[in-house]
Each structure stands twice: as structure tokens, then as C-alpha cells.
N, C-alpha and C. Protein backbone atom coordinates (compact mmCIF):
# COMPACT_ATOMS: atom_id res chain seq x y z
N MET A 1 -0.87 14.20 7.81
CA MET A 1 -0.43 12.81 7.90
C MET A 1 1.09 12.75 7.83
N SER A 2 1.71 12.02 8.75
CA SER A 2 3.16 11.93 8.78
C SER A 2 3.66 11.03 7.66
N PHE A 3 4.95 11.20 7.31
CA PHE A 3 5.56 10.32 6.33
C PHE A 3 5.61 8.88 6.83
N ARG A 4 5.61 8.67 8.15
CA ARG A 4 5.80 7.32 8.69
C ARG A 4 4.68 6.92 9.65
N PRO A 5 3.43 7.20 9.33
CA PRO A 5 2.39 6.97 10.34
C PRO A 5 1.97 5.54 10.47
N LEU A 6 2.03 4.78 9.40
CA LEU A 6 1.44 3.45 9.40
C LEU A 6 2.36 2.40 10.01
N LEU A 7 3.64 2.71 10.08
CA LEU A 7 4.60 1.68 10.49
C LEU A 7 5.46 2.12 11.66
N MET A 8 4.96 3.01 12.51
CA MET A 8 5.82 3.47 13.60
C MET A 8 6.28 2.34 14.50
N PRO A 9 5.40 1.39 14.90
CA PRO A 9 5.91 0.29 15.73
C PRO A 9 6.99 -0.51 15.00
N LEU A 10 6.77 -0.75 13.70
CA LEU A 10 7.77 -1.48 12.93
C LEU A 10 9.04 -0.67 12.78
N ALA A 11 8.91 0.62 12.58
CA ALA A 11 10.09 1.48 12.44
C ALA A 11 10.94 1.45 13.69
N LEU A 12 10.29 1.39 14.83
CA LEU A 12 11.04 1.31 16.08
C LEU A 12 11.90 0.06 16.12
N LEU A 13 11.35 -1.03 15.58
CA LEU A 13 12.10 -2.28 15.57
C LEU A 13 13.19 -2.26 14.50
N LEU A 14 12.88 -1.66 13.36
CA LEU A 14 13.82 -1.66 12.26
C LEU A 14 15.02 -0.76 12.53
N PHE A 15 14.75 0.41 13.10
CA PHE A 15 15.81 1.41 13.23
C PHE A 15 16.28 1.61 14.65
N GLY A 16 15.37 1.46 15.63
CA GLY A 16 15.74 1.79 16.98
C GLY A 16 15.99 3.27 17.07
N VAL A 17 14.98 4.08 17.37
CA VAL A 17 15.11 5.52 17.24
C VAL A 17 15.57 6.18 18.53
N GLY A 18 16.22 5.44 19.43
CA GLY A 18 16.76 6.03 20.63
C GLY A 18 17.95 6.91 20.32
N ALA A 19 18.41 7.61 21.35
CA ALA A 19 19.51 8.56 21.15
C ALA A 19 20.78 7.87 20.67
N ALA A 20 21.10 6.71 21.26
CA ALA A 20 22.32 6.01 20.87
C ALA A 20 22.27 5.59 19.42
N SER A 21 21.10 5.07 18.97
CA SER A 21 20.94 4.68 17.58
C SER A 21 21.05 5.88 16.67
N ALA A 22 20.44 7.00 17.06
CA ALA A 22 20.52 8.22 16.26
C ALA A 22 21.97 8.68 16.13
N ASP A 23 22.73 8.56 17.20
CA ASP A 23 24.14 8.93 17.14
C ASP A 23 24.91 8.04 16.18
N ARG A 24 24.63 6.74 16.21
CA ARG A 24 25.30 5.83 15.28
C ARG A 24 24.95 6.17 13.84
N HIS A 25 23.66 6.43 13.61
CA HIS A 25 23.24 6.81 12.26
C HIS A 25 23.93 8.10 11.83
N ALA A 26 24.00 9.07 12.75
CA ALA A 26 24.62 10.35 12.42
C ALA A 26 26.10 10.18 12.10
N ASP A 27 26.78 9.30 12.83
CA ASP A 27 28.19 9.05 12.55
C ASP A 27 28.38 8.48 11.15
N ARG A 28 27.52 7.56 10.78
CA ARG A 28 27.64 6.95 9.45
C ARG A 28 27.18 7.92 8.36
N LEU A 29 26.13 8.67 8.66
CA LEU A 29 25.64 9.66 7.71
C LEU A 29 26.67 10.74 7.43
N ALA A 30 27.47 11.05 8.45
CA ALA A 30 28.45 12.13 8.31
C ALA A 30 29.34 11.91 7.09
N GLY A 31 29.74 10.67 6.88
CA GLY A 31 30.59 10.38 5.72
C GLY A 31 29.84 10.56 4.41
N LEU A 32 28.62 10.07 4.34
CA LEU A 32 27.84 10.18 3.11
C LEU A 32 27.50 11.63 2.79
N LEU A 33 27.18 12.39 3.83
CA LEU A 33 26.80 13.79 3.64
C LEU A 33 28.01 14.71 3.52
N GLU A 34 29.20 14.16 3.76
CA GLU A 34 30.42 14.96 3.85
C GLU A 34 30.22 16.07 4.88
N LEU A 35 29.71 15.66 6.02
CA LEU A 35 29.30 16.59 7.07
C LEU A 35 30.51 17.28 7.69
N ARG A 36 30.35 18.56 7.94
CA ARG A 36 31.39 19.34 8.61
C ARG A 36 30.74 20.52 9.33
N PRO A 37 31.41 21.08 10.32
CA PRO A 37 30.85 22.22 11.03
C PRO A 37 30.52 23.37 10.08
N GLY A 38 29.39 24.02 10.33
CA GLY A 38 28.98 25.14 9.51
C GLY A 38 28.07 24.79 8.36
N MET A 39 27.87 23.50 8.09
CA MET A 39 26.99 23.10 6.99
C MET A 39 25.53 23.35 7.33
N VAL A 40 24.73 23.49 6.28
CA VAL A 40 23.28 23.57 6.41
C VAL A 40 22.70 22.29 5.83
N VAL A 41 21.95 21.56 6.64
CA VAL A 41 21.46 20.23 6.30
C VAL A 41 19.96 20.17 6.55
N ALA A 42 19.25 19.33 5.83
CA ALA A 42 17.82 19.10 6.09
C ALA A 42 17.55 17.61 6.24
N GLU A 43 16.70 17.27 7.20
CA GLU A 43 16.19 15.90 7.31
C GLU A 43 14.72 15.92 6.91
N ILE A 44 14.38 15.05 5.96
CA ILE A 44 13.02 14.95 5.46
C ILE A 44 12.29 13.83 6.19
N GLY A 45 11.12 14.14 6.75
CA GLY A 45 10.37 13.13 7.49
C GLY A 45 11.12 12.69 8.73
N ALA A 46 11.38 13.64 9.63
CA ALA A 46 12.32 13.43 10.73
C ALA A 46 11.76 12.63 11.89
N GLY A 47 10.50 12.24 11.86
CA GLY A 47 9.96 11.45 12.96
C GLY A 47 9.97 12.22 14.26
N ALA A 48 10.64 11.68 15.26
CA ALA A 48 10.74 12.35 16.56
C ALA A 48 11.93 13.29 16.65
N GLY A 49 12.75 13.34 15.61
CA GLY A 49 13.85 14.30 15.57
C GLY A 49 15.16 13.85 16.19
N LYS A 50 15.30 12.55 16.49
CA LYS A 50 16.53 12.08 17.13
C LYS A 50 17.75 12.28 16.23
N THR A 51 17.62 11.91 14.95
CA THR A 51 18.76 12.08 14.06
C THR A 51 18.98 13.55 13.73
N THR A 52 17.90 14.30 13.62
CA THR A 52 18.03 15.75 13.45
C THR A 52 18.92 16.33 14.54
N ARG A 53 18.66 15.95 15.78
CA ARG A 53 19.44 16.47 16.90
C ARG A 53 20.91 16.07 16.78
N ALA A 54 21.15 14.80 16.45
CA ALA A 54 22.52 14.32 16.35
C ALA A 54 23.28 15.05 15.25
N VAL A 55 22.62 15.30 14.12
CA VAL A 55 23.28 16.02 13.03
C VAL A 55 23.50 17.48 13.42
N ALA A 56 22.52 18.10 14.08
CA ALA A 56 22.66 19.49 14.51
C ALA A 56 23.86 19.66 15.43
N GLU A 57 24.08 18.69 16.30
CA GLU A 57 25.23 18.77 17.19
C GLU A 57 26.54 18.67 16.42
N ARG A 58 26.52 17.96 15.30
CA ARG A 58 27.74 17.79 14.53
C ARG A 58 28.05 18.99 13.62
N VAL A 59 27.03 19.66 13.13
CA VAL A 59 27.31 20.85 12.30
C VAL A 59 27.62 22.06 13.18
N GLY A 60 27.25 21.98 14.45
CA GLY A 60 27.63 23.00 15.42
C GLY A 60 26.82 24.28 15.31
N PRO A 61 27.09 25.23 16.18
CA PRO A 61 26.32 26.47 16.22
C PRO A 61 26.46 27.32 14.97
N SER A 62 27.53 27.12 14.21
CA SER A 62 27.69 27.87 12.96
C SER A 62 26.95 27.21 11.80
N GLY A 63 26.44 25.99 12.02
CA GLY A 63 25.66 25.29 11.01
C GLY A 63 24.18 25.36 11.33
N HIS A 64 23.38 24.67 10.53
CA HIS A 64 21.93 24.71 10.74
C HIS A 64 21.31 23.44 10.18
N VAL A 65 20.19 23.02 10.79
CA VAL A 65 19.44 21.85 10.32
C VAL A 65 17.97 22.22 10.20
N TYR A 66 17.40 21.93 9.04
CA TYR A 66 15.96 21.99 8.84
C TYR A 66 15.40 20.59 9.07
N SER A 67 14.37 20.50 9.88
CA SER A 67 13.79 19.20 10.22
C SER A 67 12.32 19.21 9.83
N THR A 68 11.94 18.38 8.86
CA THR A 68 10.59 18.45 8.31
C THR A 68 9.73 17.25 8.68
N GLU A 69 8.46 17.52 8.81
CA GLU A 69 7.44 16.49 8.99
C GLU A 69 6.10 17.04 8.51
N ILE A 70 5.12 16.17 8.40
CA ILE A 70 3.78 16.56 7.97
C ILE A 70 2.81 16.61 9.13
N ASP A 71 2.86 15.60 9.97
CA ASP A 71 1.88 15.47 11.05
C ASP A 71 2.18 16.43 12.20
N PRO A 72 1.18 17.17 12.67
CA PRO A 72 1.40 18.12 13.78
C PRO A 72 1.98 17.47 15.03
N GLU A 73 1.57 16.25 15.34
CA GLU A 73 2.10 15.57 16.52
C GLU A 73 3.59 15.28 16.35
N ALA A 74 3.99 14.87 15.16
CA ALA A 74 5.41 14.63 14.90
C ALA A 74 6.20 15.93 15.00
N LEU A 75 5.64 16.99 14.47
CA LEU A 75 6.31 18.29 14.55
C LEU A 75 6.51 18.71 16.01
N ALA A 76 5.50 18.44 16.83
CA ALA A 76 5.62 18.78 18.26
C ALA A 76 6.72 17.95 18.92
N LYS A 77 6.84 16.69 18.54
CA LYS A 77 7.88 15.83 19.12
C LYS A 77 9.27 16.32 18.72
N ILE A 78 9.41 16.74 17.46
CA ILE A 78 10.71 17.27 17.03
C ILE A 78 11.06 18.50 17.86
N ARG A 79 10.09 19.39 18.04
CA ARG A 79 10.36 20.61 18.81
C ARG A 79 10.79 20.28 20.24
N GLU A 80 10.21 19.26 20.82
CA GLU A 80 10.62 18.84 22.16
C GLU A 80 12.05 18.31 22.13
N THR A 81 12.37 17.51 21.11
CA THR A 81 13.69 16.89 21.02
C THR A 81 14.80 17.92 20.87
N VAL A 82 14.52 19.02 20.16
CA VAL A 82 15.57 20.01 19.87
C VAL A 82 15.36 21.31 20.63
N ALA A 83 14.55 21.26 21.70
CA ALA A 83 14.16 22.49 22.40
C ALA A 83 15.35 23.30 22.89
N ASP A 84 16.44 22.65 23.24
CA ASP A 84 17.60 23.36 23.78
C ASP A 84 18.64 23.72 22.72
N LEU A 85 18.33 23.48 21.46
CA LEU A 85 19.26 23.79 20.37
C LEU A 85 18.78 25.03 19.62
N SER A 86 19.72 25.88 19.25
CA SER A 86 19.36 27.11 18.54
C SER A 86 19.61 27.02 17.04
N ASN A 87 20.13 25.89 16.57
CA ASN A 87 20.48 25.78 15.16
C ASN A 87 19.58 24.81 14.40
N VAL A 88 18.33 24.65 14.85
CA VAL A 88 17.37 23.78 14.17
C VAL A 88 16.10 24.57 13.86
N THR A 89 15.61 24.45 12.64
CA THR A 89 14.33 25.00 12.24
C THR A 89 13.39 23.85 11.92
N VAL A 90 12.27 23.76 12.62
CA VAL A 90 11.28 22.71 12.37
C VAL A 90 10.32 23.21 11.29
N VAL A 91 10.12 22.38 10.26
CA VAL A 91 9.40 22.81 9.07
C VAL A 91 8.16 21.95 8.85
N GLN A 92 7.03 22.60 8.64
CA GLN A 92 5.80 21.92 8.25
C GLN A 92 5.88 21.61 6.75
N ALA A 93 5.91 20.33 6.42
CA ALA A 93 5.93 19.91 5.02
C ALA A 93 4.53 19.52 4.58
N GLY A 94 4.38 19.22 3.30
CA GLY A 94 3.11 18.76 2.76
C GLY A 94 3.32 17.53 1.91
N VAL A 95 2.25 16.94 1.46
CA VAL A 95 2.34 15.73 0.64
C VAL A 95 3.13 16.00 -0.64
N ALA A 96 2.99 17.20 -1.19
CA ALA A 96 3.68 17.55 -2.43
C ALA A 96 4.62 18.73 -2.27
N GLU A 97 4.98 19.06 -1.03
CA GLU A 97 5.79 20.25 -0.77
C GLU A 97 6.76 19.99 0.37
N THR A 98 8.05 20.22 0.13
CA THR A 98 9.05 19.99 1.17
C THR A 98 8.99 21.05 2.27
N GLY A 99 8.55 22.25 1.93
CA GLY A 99 8.56 23.35 2.88
C GLY A 99 9.91 24.02 3.04
N LEU A 100 10.92 23.57 2.28
CA LEU A 100 12.27 24.11 2.40
C LEU A 100 12.45 25.32 1.48
N PRO A 101 13.21 26.32 1.92
CA PRO A 101 13.53 27.45 1.04
C PRO A 101 14.43 27.00 -0.11
N ASP A 102 14.38 27.73 -1.20
CA ASP A 102 15.26 27.43 -2.33
C ASP A 102 16.72 27.67 -1.94
N ALA A 103 17.59 26.79 -2.43
CA ALA A 103 19.05 26.92 -2.26
C ALA A 103 19.45 27.12 -0.81
N CYS A 104 18.78 26.42 0.09
CA CYS A 104 19.06 26.60 1.52
C CYS A 104 20.08 25.62 2.06
N CYS A 105 20.31 24.50 1.36
CA CYS A 105 21.02 23.38 1.99
C CYS A 105 22.26 22.94 1.23
N ASP A 106 23.25 22.54 2.01
CA ASP A 106 24.43 21.87 1.47
C ASP A 106 24.18 20.37 1.30
N ALA A 107 23.28 19.82 2.09
CA ALA A 107 22.98 18.39 2.03
C ALA A 107 21.58 18.14 2.60
N ILE A 108 20.95 17.08 2.11
CA ILE A 108 19.61 16.68 2.56
C ILE A 108 19.63 15.17 2.70
N PHE A 109 18.93 14.65 3.72
CA PHE A 109 18.85 13.20 3.86
C PHE A 109 17.47 12.79 4.34
N MET A 110 17.16 11.52 4.10
CA MET A 110 15.92 10.92 4.61
C MET A 110 16.17 9.44 4.85
N GLU A 111 15.53 8.92 5.89
CA GLU A 111 15.69 7.51 6.25
C GLU A 111 14.32 6.84 6.32
N ALA A 112 14.13 5.80 5.50
CA ALA A 112 12.88 5.03 5.47
C ALA A 112 11.68 5.95 5.24
N VAL A 113 11.87 6.94 4.38
CA VAL A 113 10.84 7.93 4.09
C VAL A 113 10.44 7.92 2.62
N TYR A 114 11.42 7.77 1.73
CA TYR A 114 11.13 7.93 0.31
C TYR A 114 10.01 7.01 -0.15
N HIS A 115 9.99 5.78 0.33
CA HIS A 115 8.97 4.85 -0.16
C HIS A 115 7.56 5.21 0.29
N HIS A 116 7.44 6.19 1.20
CA HIS A 116 6.13 6.67 1.62
C HIS A 116 5.65 7.88 0.82
N LEU A 117 6.48 8.42 -0.05
CA LEU A 117 6.10 9.64 -0.76
C LEU A 117 4.96 9.37 -1.73
N ALA A 118 3.85 10.07 -1.53
CA ALA A 118 2.70 9.93 -2.42
C ALA A 118 2.89 10.74 -3.70
N LYS A 119 3.67 11.80 -3.62
CA LYS A 119 3.93 12.68 -4.77
C LYS A 119 5.44 12.82 -4.96
N PRO A 120 6.12 11.76 -5.35
CA PRO A 120 7.59 11.81 -5.41
C PRO A 120 8.12 12.84 -6.40
N ALA A 121 7.47 13.02 -7.54
CA ALA A 121 7.98 13.97 -8.53
C ALA A 121 8.00 15.38 -7.95
N GLU A 122 6.93 15.75 -7.26
CA GLU A 122 6.85 17.09 -6.67
C GLU A 122 7.87 17.26 -5.54
N ILE A 123 8.00 16.25 -4.70
CA ILE A 123 8.98 16.32 -3.61
C ILE A 123 10.40 16.35 -4.15
N ASP A 124 10.69 15.53 -5.15
CA ASP A 124 12.03 15.50 -5.74
C ASP A 124 12.39 16.86 -6.33
N ALA A 125 11.43 17.49 -6.99
CA ALA A 125 11.68 18.82 -7.56
C ALA A 125 11.97 19.83 -6.44
N GLY A 126 11.24 19.71 -5.33
CA GLY A 126 11.47 20.59 -4.20
C GLY A 126 12.82 20.36 -3.56
N LEU A 127 13.25 19.11 -3.48
CA LEU A 127 14.58 18.80 -2.95
C LEU A 127 15.68 19.38 -3.83
N PHE A 128 15.48 19.27 -5.14
CA PHE A 128 16.46 19.81 -6.08
C PHE A 128 16.58 21.33 -5.90
N ARG A 129 15.45 21.99 -5.76
CA ARG A 129 15.48 23.44 -5.56
C ARG A 129 16.14 23.83 -4.24
N ALA A 130 15.92 23.01 -3.22
CA ALA A 130 16.44 23.33 -1.89
C ALA A 130 17.94 23.14 -1.77
N LEU A 131 18.52 22.29 -2.64
CA LEU A 131 19.96 22.05 -2.58
C LEU A 131 20.73 23.09 -3.37
N ARG A 132 21.86 23.48 -2.83
CA ARG A 132 22.78 24.34 -3.56
C ARG A 132 23.53 23.49 -4.59
N PRO A 133 24.05 24.11 -5.65
CA PRO A 133 24.84 23.34 -6.63
C PRO A 133 25.96 22.55 -5.95
N GLY A 134 26.05 21.28 -6.31
CA GLY A 134 27.04 20.40 -5.70
C GLY A 134 26.56 19.74 -4.42
N GLY A 135 25.37 20.13 -3.94
CA GLY A 135 24.84 19.57 -2.71
C GLY A 135 24.45 18.10 -2.85
N ARG A 136 24.50 17.40 -1.72
CA ARG A 136 24.24 15.96 -1.71
C ARG A 136 22.86 15.63 -1.16
N LEU A 137 22.24 14.61 -1.75
CA LEU A 137 21.00 14.02 -1.26
C LEU A 137 21.27 12.57 -0.92
N VAL A 138 21.02 12.18 0.33
CA VAL A 138 21.22 10.80 0.77
C VAL A 138 19.86 10.18 1.08
N VAL A 139 19.57 9.07 0.44
CA VAL A 139 18.32 8.35 0.66
C VAL A 139 18.67 6.97 1.20
N ILE A 140 18.24 6.70 2.43
CA ILE A 140 18.40 5.37 3.03
C ILE A 140 17.03 4.72 3.04
N ASP A 141 16.93 3.57 2.40
CA ASP A 141 15.63 2.91 2.28
C ASP A 141 15.85 1.43 1.98
N PHE A 142 14.79 0.73 1.61
CA PHE A 142 14.92 -0.70 1.33
C PHE A 142 14.04 -1.07 0.15
N PRO A 143 14.44 -2.10 -0.61
CA PRO A 143 13.61 -2.56 -1.72
C PRO A 143 12.41 -3.33 -1.20
N PRO A 144 11.37 -3.47 -2.00
CA PRO A 144 10.19 -4.22 -1.56
C PRO A 144 10.54 -5.65 -1.18
N ALA A 145 9.84 -6.15 -0.16
CA ALA A 145 10.02 -7.53 0.29
C ALA A 145 8.65 -8.15 0.51
N LEU A 146 8.56 -9.42 0.21
CA LEU A 146 7.28 -10.12 0.32
C LEU A 146 6.72 -10.03 1.73
N LEU A 147 7.59 -10.12 2.73
CA LEU A 147 7.15 -10.12 4.12
C LEU A 147 6.47 -8.81 4.51
N LEU A 148 6.88 -7.72 3.85
CA LEU A 148 6.34 -6.40 4.20
C LEU A 148 5.17 -5.97 3.33
N ARG A 149 4.78 -6.79 2.37
CA ARG A 149 3.74 -6.39 1.44
C ARG A 149 2.43 -5.99 2.12
N PRO A 150 2.02 -6.65 3.22
CA PRO A 150 0.76 -6.22 3.86
C PRO A 150 0.76 -4.78 4.35
N TRP A 151 1.95 -4.19 4.53
CA TRP A 151 2.03 -2.80 5.02
C TRP A 151 2.29 -1.80 3.89
N THR A 152 2.12 -2.22 2.65
CA THR A 152 2.35 -1.31 1.54
C THR A 152 1.43 -0.09 1.64
N PRO A 153 1.99 1.13 1.62
CA PRO A 153 1.14 2.32 1.66
C PRO A 153 0.18 2.33 0.47
N THR A 154 -1.02 2.80 0.70
CA THR A 154 -2.05 2.76 -0.35
C THR A 154 -2.04 3.99 -1.24
N ASP A 155 -1.31 5.04 -0.83
CA ASP A 155 -1.36 6.28 -1.59
C ASP A 155 -0.09 6.56 -2.40
N VAL A 156 0.78 5.57 -2.53
CA VAL A 156 2.02 5.78 -3.29
C VAL A 156 1.81 5.36 -4.74
N PRO A 157 2.69 5.79 -5.66
CA PRO A 157 2.57 5.36 -7.06
C PRO A 157 2.59 3.85 -7.19
N PRO A 158 1.98 3.31 -8.23
CA PRO A 158 1.79 1.85 -8.35
C PRO A 158 3.01 1.08 -8.83
N ASN A 159 4.15 1.71 -9.04
CA ASN A 159 5.31 1.01 -9.62
C ASN A 159 6.32 0.58 -8.57
N ARG A 160 5.88 0.45 -7.32
CA ARG A 160 6.82 0.17 -6.24
C ARG A 160 7.08 -1.34 -6.05
N GLY A 161 6.11 -2.16 -6.38
CA GLY A 161 6.28 -3.59 -6.19
C GLY A 161 6.06 -4.05 -4.77
N GLY A 162 5.42 -3.22 -3.96
CA GLY A 162 5.18 -3.58 -2.56
C GLY A 162 5.68 -2.49 -1.64
N HIS A 163 5.90 -2.85 -0.38
CA HIS A 163 6.35 -1.89 0.62
C HIS A 163 7.86 -1.72 0.53
N GLY A 164 8.28 -0.57 0.04
CA GLY A 164 9.70 -0.31 -0.19
C GLY A 164 9.85 0.48 -1.47
N ILE A 165 11.09 0.70 -1.89
CA ILE A 165 11.36 1.42 -3.13
C ILE A 165 12.53 0.77 -3.85
N PRO A 166 12.32 0.19 -5.02
CA PRO A 166 13.44 -0.40 -5.77
C PRO A 166 14.47 0.66 -6.14
N THR A 167 15.73 0.31 -6.12
CA THR A 167 16.77 1.29 -6.42
C THR A 167 16.64 1.83 -7.84
N LYS A 168 16.21 1.01 -8.78
CA LYS A 168 16.08 1.49 -10.16
C LYS A 168 14.97 2.53 -10.28
N VAL A 169 13.91 2.37 -9.48
CA VAL A 169 12.84 3.37 -9.49
C VAL A 169 13.33 4.66 -8.84
N LEU A 170 14.04 4.52 -7.73
CA LEU A 170 14.60 5.69 -7.06
C LEU A 170 15.52 6.47 -8.00
N ARG A 171 16.42 5.77 -8.67
CA ARG A 171 17.35 6.43 -9.59
C ARG A 171 16.60 7.12 -10.72
N ARG A 172 15.60 6.46 -11.26
CA ARG A 172 14.85 7.04 -12.38
C ARG A 172 14.11 8.31 -11.96
N GLU A 173 13.48 8.26 -10.81
CA GLU A 173 12.71 9.41 -10.36
C GLU A 173 13.61 10.60 -10.02
N LEU A 174 14.73 10.33 -9.37
CA LEU A 174 15.62 11.42 -9.01
C LEU A 174 16.37 11.97 -10.23
N ALA A 175 16.67 11.11 -11.19
CA ALA A 175 17.29 11.59 -12.43
C ALA A 175 16.32 12.51 -13.17
N ALA A 176 15.04 12.19 -13.15
CA ALA A 176 14.05 13.04 -13.81
C ALA A 176 13.99 14.42 -13.18
N ALA A 177 14.33 14.50 -11.89
CA ALA A 177 14.34 15.79 -11.19
C ALA A 177 15.64 16.55 -11.41
N GLY A 178 16.65 15.90 -12.02
CA GLY A 178 17.91 16.57 -12.30
C GLY A 178 19.09 16.09 -11.49
N PHE A 179 18.89 15.11 -10.60
CA PHE A 179 19.97 14.63 -9.75
C PHE A 179 20.90 13.68 -10.49
N GLU A 180 22.16 13.67 -10.08
CA GLU A 180 23.15 12.73 -10.57
C GLU A 180 23.47 11.71 -9.49
N LYS A 181 23.58 10.46 -9.87
CA LYS A 181 23.95 9.42 -8.91
C LYS A 181 25.43 9.53 -8.56
N VAL A 182 25.72 9.41 -7.26
CA VAL A 182 27.10 9.42 -6.78
C VAL A 182 27.53 8.02 -6.37
N SER A 183 26.74 7.36 -5.54
CA SER A 183 27.12 6.04 -5.06
C SER A 183 25.88 5.29 -4.56
N LEU A 184 26.03 3.98 -4.45
CA LEU A 184 24.96 3.13 -3.92
C LEU A 184 25.59 2.02 -3.11
N ASP A 185 25.28 2.00 -1.81
CA ASP A 185 25.73 0.94 -0.91
C ASP A 185 24.53 0.05 -0.63
N ARG A 186 24.52 -1.12 -1.26
CA ARG A 186 23.37 -2.02 -1.11
C ARG A 186 23.40 -2.77 0.22
N SER A 187 24.44 -2.67 0.98
CA SER A 187 24.56 -3.39 2.25
C SER A 187 24.69 -2.41 3.41
N TRP A 188 23.93 -1.35 3.36
CA TRP A 188 24.04 -0.31 4.38
C TRP A 188 23.68 -0.84 5.77
N ASP A 189 22.59 -1.59 5.85
CA ASP A 189 22.16 -2.10 7.16
C ASP A 189 21.16 -3.22 6.93
N TRP A 190 20.86 -3.94 8.00
CA TRP A 190 19.86 -5.00 7.95
C TRP A 190 18.69 -4.63 8.84
N GLY A 191 17.48 -4.89 8.36
CA GLY A 191 16.28 -4.62 9.14
C GLY A 191 15.90 -5.80 10.02
N TRP A 192 15.02 -5.53 10.94
CA TRP A 192 14.58 -6.54 11.89
C TRP A 192 13.93 -7.74 11.20
N MET A 193 13.27 -7.49 10.06
CA MET A 193 12.59 -8.58 9.35
C MET A 193 13.45 -9.14 8.23
N GLY A 194 14.74 -8.87 8.26
CA GLY A 194 15.66 -9.51 7.34
C GLY A 194 15.90 -8.79 6.04
N GLN A 195 15.26 -7.64 5.83
CA GLN A 195 15.50 -6.93 4.57
C GLN A 195 16.78 -6.10 4.67
N ARG A 196 17.42 -5.93 3.54
CA ARG A 196 18.68 -5.20 3.50
C ARG A 196 18.41 -3.75 3.09
N PHE A 197 18.87 -2.83 3.90
CA PHE A 197 18.74 -1.42 3.59
C PHE A 197 19.90 -0.97 2.71
N TYR A 198 19.62 -0.04 1.83
CA TYR A 198 20.67 0.55 1.01
C TYR A 198 20.80 2.03 1.32
N ALA A 199 21.95 2.59 0.99
CA ALA A 199 22.18 4.03 1.11
C ALA A 199 22.58 4.54 -0.27
N ALA A 200 21.71 5.38 -0.84
CA ALA A 200 21.94 5.94 -2.17
C ALA A 200 22.30 7.41 -2.05
N VAL A 201 23.37 7.81 -2.70
CA VAL A 201 23.83 9.19 -2.65
C VAL A 201 23.69 9.81 -4.04
N PHE A 202 23.08 11.00 -4.07
CA PHE A 202 22.91 11.76 -5.30
C PHE A 202 23.43 13.18 -5.07
N ARG A 203 23.64 13.89 -6.14
CA ARG A 203 24.07 15.28 -6.03
C ARG A 203 23.34 16.15 -7.03
N ARG A 204 23.20 17.41 -6.65
CA ARG A 204 22.70 18.40 -7.60
C ARG A 204 23.90 18.94 -8.37
N PRO A 205 23.90 18.84 -9.70
CA PRO A 205 25.04 19.33 -10.50
C PRO A 205 25.27 20.83 -10.27
């Protein structure tokens, strides 16, 4: 099961996963991730791999990107998206397993994925292990909204308050895994249904 299976039509409206949109996201992410050529980065729950591709192009041939998903169809789409790139590794993840090697990454990011995690404690621990000391974790997501409540995932922990992830819950869960908060931009972007996306940056000490 993919991280984003239940809301793909909505995700298309919220994010616009075309190449141009992925490039815009990658440009903005570059600052949060402190992206530079030669870095090793991972995208968690990469969907069709558009942002993975954009980031891989920015880290260049001396860098590398791990692109993870759960659903075999999503993994196949990522492979198609990055077929001509030699610096991307597509990774089969699990509900409680990132699939990433220990200490493999300088930075990790996910977009509209965290609120779908059924086993956040296990995934957070895996993210912490995958990051090198000083590495950054960027989580772009949105707090619960009444309008989105009908699409609340049924397999997530019960403390979410609906479809989304409150920033205080995100901070608490990642702190429990050992992460330190770096910054929080509550006005990162606006969704199609009027909800405000935030960008939260954490680091592994």
C-alpha cells in the first residue's frame, strides 16, 4: 500500500505533481535542505518521483537520491521517471520500515506523507538512523481541517484530530526519536481546499 493511495486525485489538485511544479518544489526545498552538489538525499513516499528527479538533477552526478515508496505500482512509476538518471536508487519501503541504509543521507524530506504514517515511531527511528549527524529532515504537511475529515486515513494513530498532522504532534513524535527542531514555516503553501501547508525542519544532532 502506498503512502498516498487514498487521496491521489486530491493530491494532484493540492500539489500539482507535473514537472514544472516539481521543479518549483525542488527550488524551494533546496534552501530548507541546504542542497548542494554531491549531497545524498532521500525522498520518503515519492509518489511518481517528480520531485525525486528534480532533486537528483540538483545534487548532480556526484550526489545521490534514494526514492522510497511502498506500493509496487508507485515504485514502477518512479523507475520510469528516473530511468535516464544514474544517481537515483528506488527503495521498497514498508509500513514500519524506511528501507534506507544507516547513515546514508545528508538530508531527507517528505511532502504530504507524514500524516499517512501508520507506524510513525518506527519510521521516525528509521529516519534518524538513516541521517548522518547534523543531517536535516524536512516535513511538508498540513494540520487537520474539518473539510478533509472524511478522508482521514483509518490506520493512523488516533491523536491526529482528522486528516493531517498537527505541528505539536509532529514535534513530539520526532523529538521522541531524537530529532531537534530547526525551524517551522507555517505559511509554506496553500492547498486547493484552503488549508495552509507548513514546512518543518529538524536535524539529527
